[in-house]
Amino acid sequence: MKVIAHRGEHREHPENTLPAYRAAIELGCDYIEVDVRTTADGALVAIHNDTLGGRVEDMTFAEIRKLDAGVPGFDEVLALARNRIEVYVDAKRVTAPDLVAALRRHRMERRSVVYGGLPLLAAIAKLAPEIRIMPEAVSEAVLRESLEKLRPRVIAFDARDFRDEVIRIARAAGADIFVDRLGLDDNEDSWKDAIRRGATGIQTDRPADLLAFLRRGLP
């Protein structure tokens, strides 16, 4: 079971920051989830929201740094993660060539999964087949189409599409199943349910608690 720290360990540290990612590494998580956006001058940054005193895409990296010194560049995150933890990339606004280039710079192609829209994932698969792409399951019909067109090795699920009939399709394809257990679903009963229904990775805002739960073992 893979433990995915949503935006790092952000209960004790600001989310999507190097301290949050470093703490997740020190806890022993398997993945850090990183939201990636592109600035006006083409820099890739780790930030969830599309605004920070202005639209991220309209600001330079230097301007963002002046407003919030805690926003790291994606290269900084990858340098921290290399040889220490895998990266779950939530591609908010980034091109396939830029993302692939960054992962290759840090030799993280085989240590990452990329979540995003189907056109972006198709472009990444063409440029770098070694990078694991991860479409959202959505529904039975959409998942079948994604499996046929992209042949992904990992499927993303959330509270809406983590349904038995959709899970069965992913399992039959031999794909890993990474499910969000966030908000009200981020608790031991929901973790246990996810595991019993076939999840192979859980994204959580409570990585320390999930790790402790897994170490105790299922009753």
Protein backbone atom coordinates (compact mmCIF):
# COMPACT_ATOMS: atom_id res chain seq x y z
CA MET A 1 0.00 0.00 0.00
CA LYS A 2 1.46 3.34 -1.11
CA VAL A 3 1.02 6.34 1.17
CA ILE A 4 0.64 9.57 -0.82
CA ALA A 5 1.07 12.77 1.19
CA HIS A 6 -1.38 15.28 -0.29
CA ARG A 7 0.61 18.53 -0.77
CA GLY A 8 3.21 17.09 1.59
CA GLU A 9 2.82 16.85 5.35
CA HIS A 10 0.77 20.03 5.70
CA ARG A 11 -0.79 19.63 9.12
CA GLU A 12 2.43 20.90 10.69
CA HIS A 13 3.89 22.75 7.68
CA PRO A 14 2.54 25.03 4.93
CA GLU A 15 1.22 22.93 2.04
CA ASN A 16 3.18 22.55 -1.18
CA THR A 17 6.40 23.77 0.43
CA LEU A 18 9.80 22.17 0.80
CA PRO A 19 9.37 21.77 4.58
CA ALA A 20 6.07 19.93 3.99
CA TYR A 21 7.67 17.64 1.43
CA ARG A 22 10.73 17.08 3.59
CA ALA A 23 8.52 16.10 6.53
CA ALA A 24 6.65 13.58 4.36
CA ILE A 25 9.97 12.04 3.36
CA GLU A 26 11.07 11.83 6.99
CA LEU A 27 7.79 10.15 7.95
CA GLY A 28 8.44 7.40 5.40
CA CYS A 29 5.71 8.20 2.87
CA ASP A 30 5.93 6.61 -0.57
CA TYR A 31 4.84 9.67 -2.58
CA ILE A 32 4.47 13.41 -2.23
CA GLU A 33 1.67 15.00 -4.23
CA VAL A 34 2.81 18.15 -6.05
CA ASP A 35 0.55 20.64 -7.86
CA VAL A 36 2.43 22.08 -10.83
CA ARG A 37 1.74 25.35 -12.65
CA THR A 38 3.67 27.46 -15.16
CA THR A 39 4.61 31.11 -14.60
CA ALA A 40 4.64 33.87 -17.20
CA ASP A 41 8.36 33.35 -17.76
CA GLY A 42 8.03 29.59 -18.20
CA ALA A 43 9.11 28.43 -14.74
CA LEU A 44 7.35 25.44 -13.19
CA VAL A 45 6.21 26.06 -9.63
CA ALA A 46 4.53 23.95 -6.95
CA ILE A 47 1.30 25.72 -6.05
CA HIS A 48 -2.30 24.58 -5.91
CA ASN A 49 -4.27 27.79 -6.41
CA ASP A 50 -4.16 29.64 -9.72
CA THR A 51 -3.92 33.03 -8.01
CA LEU A 52 -1.37 34.51 -5.61
CA GLY A 53 -1.85 38.27 -5.56
CA GLY A 54 -2.54 37.81 -9.26
CA ARG A 55 -2.83 34.93 -11.72
CA VAL A 56 0.17 32.61 -11.48
CA GLU A 57 0.33 32.34 -15.26
CA ASP A 58 0.64 36.15 -15.54
CA MET A 59 3.43 36.48 -12.95
CA THR A 60 7.14 35.75 -13.20
CA PHE A 61 8.80 33.34 -10.81
CA ALA A 62 10.68 36.27 -9.22
CA GLU A 63 7.41 38.11 -8.61
CA ILE A 64 5.90 35.04 -6.97
CA ARG A 65 8.97 34.64 -4.78
CA LYS A 66 8.65 38.24 -3.61
CA LEU A 67 5.01 37.66 -2.64
CA ASP A 68 5.50 34.27 -1.02
CA ALA A 69 8.98 32.88 -0.41
CA GLY A 70 7.47 29.50 0.44
CA VAL A 71 6.47 28.67 -3.14
CA PRO A 72 9.14 26.29 -4.48
CA GLY A 73 10.14 25.72 -8.04
CA PHE A 74 9.31 22.26 -9.36
CA ASP A 75 13.02 21.68 -9.91
CA GLU A 76 13.62 22.30 -6.21
CA VAL A 77 10.98 19.74 -5.30
CA LEU A 78 12.44 17.15 -7.67
CA ALA A 79 15.95 17.76 -6.36
CA LEU A 80 14.67 17.12 -2.83
CA ALA A 81 12.74 14.01 -3.88
CA ARG A 82 15.41 12.37 -6.00
CA ASN A 83 16.49 9.01 -4.54
CA ARG A 84 14.30 9.68 -1.49
CA ILE A 85 10.63 9.52 -2.48
CA GLU A 86 8.38 9.22 -5.53
CA VAL A 87 6.37 12.15 -6.87
CA TYR A 88 2.65 12.25 -7.68
CA VAL A 89 2.37 15.16 -10.11
CA ASP A 90 -0.99 16.90 -10.30
CA ALA A 91 -0.54 18.81 -13.55
CA LYS A 92 -2.60 21.96 -13.08
CA ARG A 93 -1.13 24.06 -15.91
CA VAL A 94 1.95 22.73 -17.63
CA THR A 95 2.90 21.48 -21.08
CA ALA A 96 3.99 17.92 -21.73
CA PRO A 97 7.46 18.92 -23.04
CA ASP A 98 8.19 21.11 -20.02
CA LEU A 99 7.05 18.48 -17.55
CA VAL A 100 8.95 15.67 -19.25
CA ALA A 101 12.09 17.81 -19.43
CA ALA A 102 11.94 18.57 -15.71
CA LEU A 103 11.50 14.93 -14.74
CA ARG A 104 14.37 13.93 -17.01
CA ARG A 105 16.68 16.61 -15.59
CA HIS A 106 16.35 14.98 -12.21
CA ARG A 107 16.16 11.39 -13.47
CA MET A 108 12.68 11.04 -12.00
CA GLU A 109 10.93 9.62 -15.06
CA ARG A 110 10.46 6.22 -13.41
CA ARG A 111 9.86 7.67 -9.96
CA SER A 112 6.78 9.71 -10.80
CA VAL A 113 3.14 9.40 -11.76
CA VAL A 114 1.36 12.20 -13.60
CA TYR A 115 -2.30 13.06 -13.12
CA GLY A 116 -4.02 15.38 -15.58
CA GLY A 117 -6.35 15.72 -18.54
CA LEU A 118 -6.35 13.10 -21.28
CA PRO A 119 -4.74 15.29 -23.99
CA LEU A 120 -1.82 16.11 -21.69
CA LEU A 121 -1.39 12.48 -20.63
CA ALA A 122 -1.46 11.32 -24.26
CA ALA A 123 1.26 13.84 -25.13
CA ILE A 124 3.41 12.69 -22.20
CA ALA A 125 2.97 9.04 -23.18
CA LYS A 126 4.17 9.84 -26.69
CA LEU A 127 7.19 11.83 -25.51
CA ALA A 128 8.21 9.57 -22.63
CA PRO A 129 6.52 6.16 -22.45
CA GLU A 130 8.53 5.35 -19.32
CA ILE A 131 6.62 7.95 -17.29
CA ARG A 132 3.50 6.52 -15.66
CA ILE A 133 0.44 8.51 -16.60
CA MET A 134 -2.66 8.39 -14.39
CA PRO A 135 -6.09 9.38 -15.74
CA GLU A 136 -9.11 9.87 -13.51
CA ALA A 137 -11.46 6.86 -13.62
CA VAL A 138 -14.63 9.03 -13.90
CA SER A 139 -17.01 6.24 -15.01
CA GLU A 140 -17.07 2.79 -16.55
CA ALA A 141 -17.28 4.18 -20.09
CA VAL A 142 -14.57 6.81 -19.60
CA LEU A 143 -12.22 4.36 -17.91
CA ARG A 144 -12.60 1.83 -20.70
CA GLU A 145 -11.80 4.56 -23.24
CA SER A 146 -8.75 5.68 -21.24
CA LEU A 147 -7.48 2.13 -20.97
CA GLU A 148 -7.90 1.56 -24.70
CA LYS A 149 -6.24 4.81 -25.78
CA LEU A 150 -3.55 5.33 -23.14
CA ARG A 151 -2.82 1.91 -21.59
CA PRO A 152 -2.14 3.55 -18.20
CA ARG A 153 -0.54 1.54 -15.42
CA VAL A 154 -2.21 3.61 -12.68
CA ILE A 155 -5.79 4.90 -12.35
CA ALA A 156 -6.86 7.74 -10.06
CA PHE A 157 -10.07 7.55 -8.07
CA ASP A 158 -11.88 9.99 -5.81
CA ALA A 159 -15.00 9.77 -3.65
CA ARG A 160 -17.28 10.07 -6.68
CA ASP A 161 -15.88 7.34 -8.93
CA PHE A 162 -14.53 4.87 -6.36
CA ARG A 163 -17.36 2.48 -7.13
CA ASP A 164 -17.14 -1.29 -7.31
CA GLU A 165 -18.19 -1.53 -10.96
CA VAL A 166 -15.47 0.96 -11.97
CA ILE A 167 -12.85 -0.56 -9.67
CA ARG A 168 -13.41 -3.97 -11.29
CA ILE A 169 -12.44 -2.57 -14.70
CA ALA A 170 -9.18 -1.14 -13.38
CA ARG A 171 -8.34 -4.35 -11.55
CA ALA A 172 -9.08 -6.46 -14.62
CA ALA A 173 -6.64 -4.28 -16.58
CA GLY A 174 -3.93 -4.90 -13.99
CA ALA A 175 -3.64 -1.20 -13.17
CA ASP A 176 -2.72 0.21 -9.80
CA ILE A 177 -5.55 2.02 -8.03
CA PHE A 178 -4.66 5.29 -6.28
CA VAL A 179 -7.63 6.69 -4.38
CA ASP A 180 -8.15 10.01 -2.60
CA ARG A 181 -9.27 9.66 1.01
CA LEU A 182 -9.56 13.35 1.84
CA GLY A 183 -11.91 15.46 3.93
CA LEU A 184 -14.54 13.39 5.72
CA ASP A 185 -13.18 10.24 4.06
CA ASP A 186 -9.73 10.64 5.62
CA ASN A 187 -10.20 8.21 8.51
CA GLU A 188 -9.45 4.63 9.49
CA ASP A 189 -12.80 3.21 8.38
CA SER A 190 -12.41 4.75 4.92
CA TRP A 191 -8.78 3.62 4.64
CA LYS A 192 -9.79 0.09 5.58
CA ASP A 193 -12.64 0.14 3.05
CA ALA A 194 -10.31 1.39 0.30
CA ILE A 195 -7.80 -1.37 0.96
CA ARG A 196 -10.42 -4.11 1.01
CA ARG A 197 -11.89 -2.88 -2.27
CA GLY A 198 -8.59 -2.97 -4.14
CA ALA A 199 -6.72 0.29 -3.58
CA THR A 200 -2.96 0.05 -3.96
CA GLY A 201 -2.32 3.68 -2.97
CA ILE A 202 -4.12 6.16 -0.71
CA GLN A 203 -3.77 9.93 -0.94
CA THR A 204 -4.22 11.50 2.47
CA ASP A 205 -3.93 14.73 4.43
CA ARG A 206 -2.99 12.59 7.45
CA PRO A 207 0.11 10.69 6.31
CA ALA A 208 1.49 10.07 9.82
CA ASP A 209 -1.81 8.59 10.96
CA LEU A 210 -2.20 6.47 7.82
CA LEU A 211 1.33 5.10 8.18
CA ALA A 212 0.65 4.19 11.83
CA PHE A 213 -2.62 2.53 10.81
CA LEU A 214 -0.89 0.44 8.13
CA ARG A 215 1.85 -0.61 10.50
CA ARG A 216 -0.74 -1.97 12.94
CA GLY A 217 -2.26 -4.08 10.16
CA LEU A 218 -5.90 -4.68 9.30
CA PRO A 219 -8.00 -6.35 12.01
